[in-house]
């Protein structure tokens, strides 16, 4: 544990930020899994709705720098391509 007061504060801040980012990352992964599951089950209407929600979540997480913006774009693109391939 840090001895200097500012270092102790920084450690507290980092832990709080780490927990917040972890929850956002979990939300991001869950949104993608829901879309993939809908695509695998063959339910196109549900998959389209979930893709819209997932895209919003992915953009939100990328805006907060939890994931890189290119990773967000790549993920959305792959989900959209998988949805299009259903037809």
N, C-alpha and C. Protein backbone atom coordinates (compact mmCIF):
# COMPACT_ATOMS: atom_id res chain seq x y z
N UNK A 1 0.85 -1.19 0.00
CA UNK A 1 0.00 0.00 0.00
C UNK A 1 0.89 1.24 0.00
N UNK A 2 0.40 2.28 -0.68
CA UNK A 2 1.16 3.52 -0.79
C UNK A 2 1.22 4.24 0.56
N UNK A 3 2.29 5.01 0.76
CA UNK A 3 2.46 5.75 2.01
C UNK A 3 2.09 7.22 1.87
N UNK A 4 2.27 7.76 0.70
CA UNK A 4 1.99 9.18 0.48
C UNK A 4 0.50 9.38 0.26
N UNK A 5 -0.03 10.44 0.84
CA UNK A 5 -1.47 10.69 0.81
C UNK A 5 -2.01 10.75 -0.62
N UNK A 6 -1.31 11.45 -1.51
CA UNK A 6 -1.77 11.57 -2.89
C UNK A 6 -1.74 10.23 -3.60
N UNK A 7 -0.78 9.38 -3.26
CA UNK A 7 -0.68 8.06 -3.87
C UNK A 7 -1.81 7.15 -3.38
N UNK A 8 -2.18 7.31 -2.07
CA UNK A 8 -3.31 6.54 -1.55
C UNK A 8 -4.60 6.94 -2.25
N UNK A 9 -4.78 8.25 -2.46
CA UNK A 9 -5.97 8.75 -3.16
C UNK A 9 -5.99 8.22 -4.59
N UNK A 10 -4.85 8.25 -5.26
CA UNK A 10 -4.76 7.77 -6.64
C UNK A 10 -5.11 6.28 -6.70
N UNK A 11 -4.68 5.50 -5.71
CA UNK A 11 -4.98 4.07 -5.66
C UNK A 11 -6.49 3.86 -5.50
N UNK A 12 -7.13 4.68 -4.65
CA UNK A 12 -8.59 4.58 -4.46
C UNK A 12 -9.31 4.92 -5.77
N UNK A 13 -8.87 5.98 -6.42
CA UNK A 13 -9.50 6.39 -7.69
C UNK A 13 -9.35 5.31 -8.76
N UNK A 14 -8.14 4.75 -8.83
CA UNK A 14 -7.88 3.72 -9.84
C UNK A 14 -8.76 2.49 -9.62
N UNK A 15 -8.95 2.11 -8.37
CA UNK A 15 -9.78 0.94 -8.07
C UNK A 15 -11.24 1.20 -8.44
N UNK A 16 -11.72 2.38 -8.12
CA UNK A 16 -13.10 2.74 -8.47
C UNK A 16 -13.29 2.75 -9.98
N UNK A 17 -12.32 3.32 -10.70
CA UNK A 17 -12.37 3.39 -12.16
C UNK A 17 -12.30 1.99 -12.77
N UNK A 18 -11.44 1.13 -12.19
CA UNK A 18 -11.31 -0.25 -12.69
C UNK A 18 -12.63 -0.99 -12.57
N UNK A 19 -13.31 -0.85 -11.43
CA UNK A 19 -14.59 -1.53 -11.24
C UNK A 19 -15.65 -1.00 -12.21
N UNK A 20 -15.66 0.31 -12.42
CA UNK A 20 -16.63 0.90 -13.35
C UNK A 20 -16.39 0.41 -14.77
N UNK A 21 -15.11 0.40 -15.19
CA UNK A 21 -14.77 -0.07 -16.54
C UNK A 21 -15.11 -1.55 -16.70
N UNK A 22 -14.91 -2.33 -15.65
CA UNK A 22 -15.22 -3.77 -15.72
C UNK A 22 -16.71 -3.98 -15.95
N UNK A 23 -17.54 -3.18 -15.29
CA UNK A 23 -18.99 -3.33 -15.47
C UNK A 23 -19.39 -2.91 -16.89
N UNK A 24 -18.76 -1.88 -17.43
CA UNK A 24 -19.05 -1.46 -18.80
C UNK A 24 -18.61 -2.53 -19.80
N UNK A 25 -17.45 -3.14 -19.55
CA UNK A 25 -16.93 -4.18 -20.43
C UNK A 25 -17.87 -5.39 -20.42
N UNK A 26 -18.41 -5.72 -19.25
CA UNK A 26 -19.35 -6.83 -19.12
C UNK A 26 -20.62 -6.53 -19.90
N UNK A 27 -21.12 -5.30 -19.78
CA UNK A 27 -22.31 -4.88 -20.50
C UNK A 27 -22.09 -5.00 -22.01
N UNK A 28 -20.89 -4.60 -22.46
CA UNK A 28 -20.51 -4.67 -23.87
C UNK A 28 -20.53 -6.11 -24.37
N UNK A 29 -19.89 -7.01 -23.62
CA UNK A 29 -19.83 -8.41 -24.03
C UNK A 29 -21.20 -9.07 -24.03
N UNK A 30 -22.01 -8.75 -23.05
CA UNK A 30 -23.35 -9.33 -22.95
C UNK A 30 -24.21 -8.91 -24.14
N UNK A 31 -24.12 -7.64 -24.52
CA UNK A 31 -24.90 -7.13 -25.66
C UNK A 31 -24.54 -7.89 -26.93
N UNK A 32 -23.26 -8.14 -27.13
CA UNK A 32 -22.81 -8.86 -28.33
C UNK A 32 -23.28 -10.31 -28.29
N UNK A 33 -23.18 -10.94 -27.12
CA UNK A 33 -23.62 -12.33 -26.99
C UNK A 33 -25.10 -12.48 -27.28
N UNK A 34 -25.91 -11.52 -26.85
CA UNK A 34 -27.36 -11.59 -27.10
C UNK A 34 -27.65 -11.57 -28.59
N UNK A 35 -26.95 -10.71 -29.33
CA UNK A 35 -27.16 -10.63 -30.78
C UNK A 35 -26.73 -11.93 -31.44
N UNK A 36 -25.57 -12.45 -31.06
CA UNK A 36 -25.07 -13.70 -31.64
C UNK A 36 -26.04 -14.85 -31.39
N UNK A 37 -26.60 -14.89 -30.18
CA UNK A 37 -27.54 -15.95 -29.83
C UNK A 37 -28.80 -15.86 -30.68
N UNK A 38 -29.29 -14.63 -30.89
CA UNK A 38 -30.49 -14.43 -31.72
C UNK A 38 -30.21 -14.83 -33.17
N UNK A 39 -29.01 -14.53 -33.66
CA UNK A 39 -28.65 -14.89 -35.04
C UNK A 39 -28.57 -16.41 -35.18
N UNK A 40 -27.96 -17.07 -34.19
CA UNK A 40 -27.83 -18.53 -34.24
C UNK A 40 -29.19 -19.22 -34.17
N UNK A 41 -30.12 -18.63 -33.42
CA UNK A 41 -31.45 -19.23 -33.30
C UNK A 41 -32.29 -19.00 -34.56
N UNK A 42 -31.85 -18.06 -35.42
CA UNK A 42 -32.55 -17.81 -36.67
C UNK A 42 -33.67 -16.80 -36.57
N UNK A 43 -33.76 -16.09 -35.48
CA UNK A 43 -34.82 -15.09 -35.28
C UNK A 43 -34.33 -13.74 -35.77
N UNK A 44 -34.61 -13.44 -37.04
CA UNK A 44 -34.06 -12.24 -37.67
C UNK A 44 -34.62 -10.95 -37.06
N UNK A 45 -35.92 -10.92 -36.78
CA UNK A 45 -36.54 -9.71 -36.22
C UNK A 45 -35.94 -9.36 -34.86
N UNK A 46 -35.81 -10.38 -34.02
CA UNK A 46 -35.22 -10.15 -32.69
C UNK A 46 -33.76 -9.74 -32.82
N UNK A 47 -33.05 -10.35 -33.74
CA UNK A 47 -31.63 -10.04 -33.93
C UNK A 47 -31.45 -8.59 -34.38
N UNK A 48 -32.35 -8.11 -35.24
CA UNK A 48 -32.25 -6.72 -35.70
C UNK A 48 -32.45 -5.75 -34.55
N UNK A 49 -33.44 -6.02 -33.72
CA UNK A 49 -33.69 -5.16 -32.56
C UNK A 49 -32.53 -5.17 -31.59
N UNK A 50 -32.01 -6.38 -31.34
CA UNK A 50 -30.87 -6.51 -30.42
C UNK A 50 -29.62 -5.86 -30.99
N UNK A 51 -29.46 -5.92 -32.31
CA UNK A 51 -28.29 -5.30 -32.95
C UNK A 51 -28.33 -3.79 -32.76
N UNK A 52 -29.51 -3.21 -32.87
CA UNK A 52 -29.66 -1.77 -32.68
C UNK A 52 -29.26 -1.38 -31.24
N UNK A 53 -29.74 -2.17 -30.28
CA UNK A 53 -29.40 -1.90 -28.87
C UNK A 53 -27.90 -2.12 -28.62
N UNK A 54 -27.37 -3.19 -29.20
CA UNK A 54 -25.95 -3.52 -29.00
C UNK A 54 -25.06 -2.43 -29.60
N UNK A 55 -25.44 -1.91 -30.76
CA UNK A 55 -24.65 -0.86 -31.41
C UNK A 55 -24.58 0.37 -30.51
N UNK A 56 -25.69 0.68 -29.88
CA UNK A 56 -25.73 1.82 -28.96
C UNK A 56 -24.81 1.58 -27.77
N UNK A 57 -24.87 0.38 -27.21
CA UNK A 57 -24.02 0.03 -26.07
C UNK A 57 -22.55 0.06 -26.45
N UNK A 58 -22.23 -0.50 -27.61
CA UNK A 58 -20.85 -0.56 -28.08
C UNK A 58 -20.30 0.86 -28.28
N UNK A 59 -21.10 1.73 -28.90
CA UNK A 59 -20.66 3.11 -29.11
C UNK A 59 -20.45 3.83 -27.79
N UNK A 60 -21.34 3.58 -26.85
CA UNK A 60 -21.24 4.22 -25.54
C UNK A 60 -19.95 3.81 -24.83
N UNK A 61 -19.64 2.52 -24.88
CA UNK A 61 -18.44 2.02 -24.22
C UNK A 61 -17.19 2.56 -24.92
N UNK A 62 -17.23 2.66 -26.25
CA UNK A 62 -16.09 3.19 -27.00
C UNK A 62 -15.89 4.68 -26.71
N UNK A 63 -16.98 5.42 -26.56
CA UNK A 63 -16.88 6.85 -26.25
C UNK A 63 -16.19 7.08 -24.91
N UNK A 64 -16.35 6.12 -24.00
CA UNK A 64 -15.75 6.24 -22.67
C UNK A 64 -14.34 5.65 -22.62
N UNK A 65 -13.82 5.28 -23.79
CA UNK A 65 -12.45 4.75 -23.92
C UNK A 65 -12.23 3.46 -23.14
N UNK A 66 -13.28 2.68 -22.93
CA UNK A 66 -13.13 1.38 -22.29
C UNK A 66 -12.62 0.39 -23.34
N UNK A 67 -13.13 0.53 -24.56
CA UNK A 67 -12.60 -0.23 -25.70
C UNK A 67 -12.21 0.77 -26.78
N UNK A 68 -11.35 0.35 -27.68
CA UNK A 68 -10.90 1.23 -28.77
C UNK A 68 -12.03 1.42 -29.77
N UNK A 69 -12.08 2.60 -30.39
CA UNK A 69 -13.16 2.89 -31.33
C UNK A 69 -13.13 1.95 -32.54
N UNK A 70 -11.94 1.52 -32.95
CA UNK A 70 -11.86 0.59 -34.08
C UNK A 70 -12.38 -0.80 -33.71
N UNK A 71 -12.16 -1.20 -32.46
CA UNK A 71 -12.70 -2.48 -32.00
C UNK A 71 -14.22 -2.43 -31.99
N UNK A 72 -14.76 -1.29 -31.59
CA UNK A 72 -16.21 -1.11 -31.58
C UNK A 72 -16.76 -1.20 -33.00
N UNK A 73 -16.13 -0.50 -33.92
CA UNK A 73 -16.58 -0.50 -35.31
C UNK A 73 -16.48 -1.89 -35.92
N UNK A 74 -15.39 -2.59 -35.62
CA UNK A 74 -15.19 -3.95 -36.15
C UNK A 74 -16.26 -4.89 -35.62
N UNK A 75 -16.57 -4.78 -34.33
CA UNK A 75 -17.59 -5.63 -33.73
C UNK A 75 -18.96 -5.40 -34.33
N UNK A 76 -19.33 -4.12 -34.49
CA UNK A 76 -20.63 -3.80 -35.08
C UNK A 76 -20.71 -4.29 -36.52
N UNK A 77 -19.62 -4.13 -37.25
CA UNK A 77 -19.58 -4.55 -38.65
C UNK A 77 -19.76 -6.06 -38.77
N UNK A 78 -19.10 -6.81 -37.92
CA UNK A 78 -19.19 -8.28 -37.98
C UNK A 78 -20.59 -8.75 -37.62
N UNK A 79 -21.20 -8.11 -36.63
CA UNK A 79 -22.58 -8.49 -36.26
C UNK A 79 -23.55 -8.17 -37.40
N UNK A 80 -23.37 -7.00 -38.02
CA UNK A 80 -24.24 -6.62 -39.12
C UNK A 80 -24.07 -7.59 -40.30
N UNK A 81 -22.83 -8.00 -40.57
CA UNK A 81 -22.56 -8.94 -41.66
C UNK A 81 -23.19 -10.30 -41.36
N UNK A 82 -23.11 -10.73 -40.10
CA UNK A 82 -23.71 -12.01 -39.72
C UNK A 82 -25.23 -11.96 -39.86
N UNK A 83 -25.80 -10.82 -39.52
CA UNK A 83 -27.24 -10.65 -39.65
C UNK A 83 -27.66 -10.65 -41.12
N UNK A 84 -26.87 -9.97 -41.95
CA UNK A 84 -27.16 -9.92 -43.38
C UNK A 84 -27.03 -11.30 -44.02
N UNK A 85 -26.10 -12.11 -43.52
CA UNK A 85 -25.87 -13.44 -44.07
C UNK A 85 -27.03 -14.39 -43.77
N UNK A 86 -27.87 -14.01 -42.80
CA UNK A 86 -29.04 -14.86 -42.48
C UNK A 86 -29.99 -14.96 -43.65
N UNK A 87 -30.09 -13.88 -44.43
CA UNK A 87 -31.03 -13.83 -45.56
C UNK A 87 -30.58 -14.72 -46.68
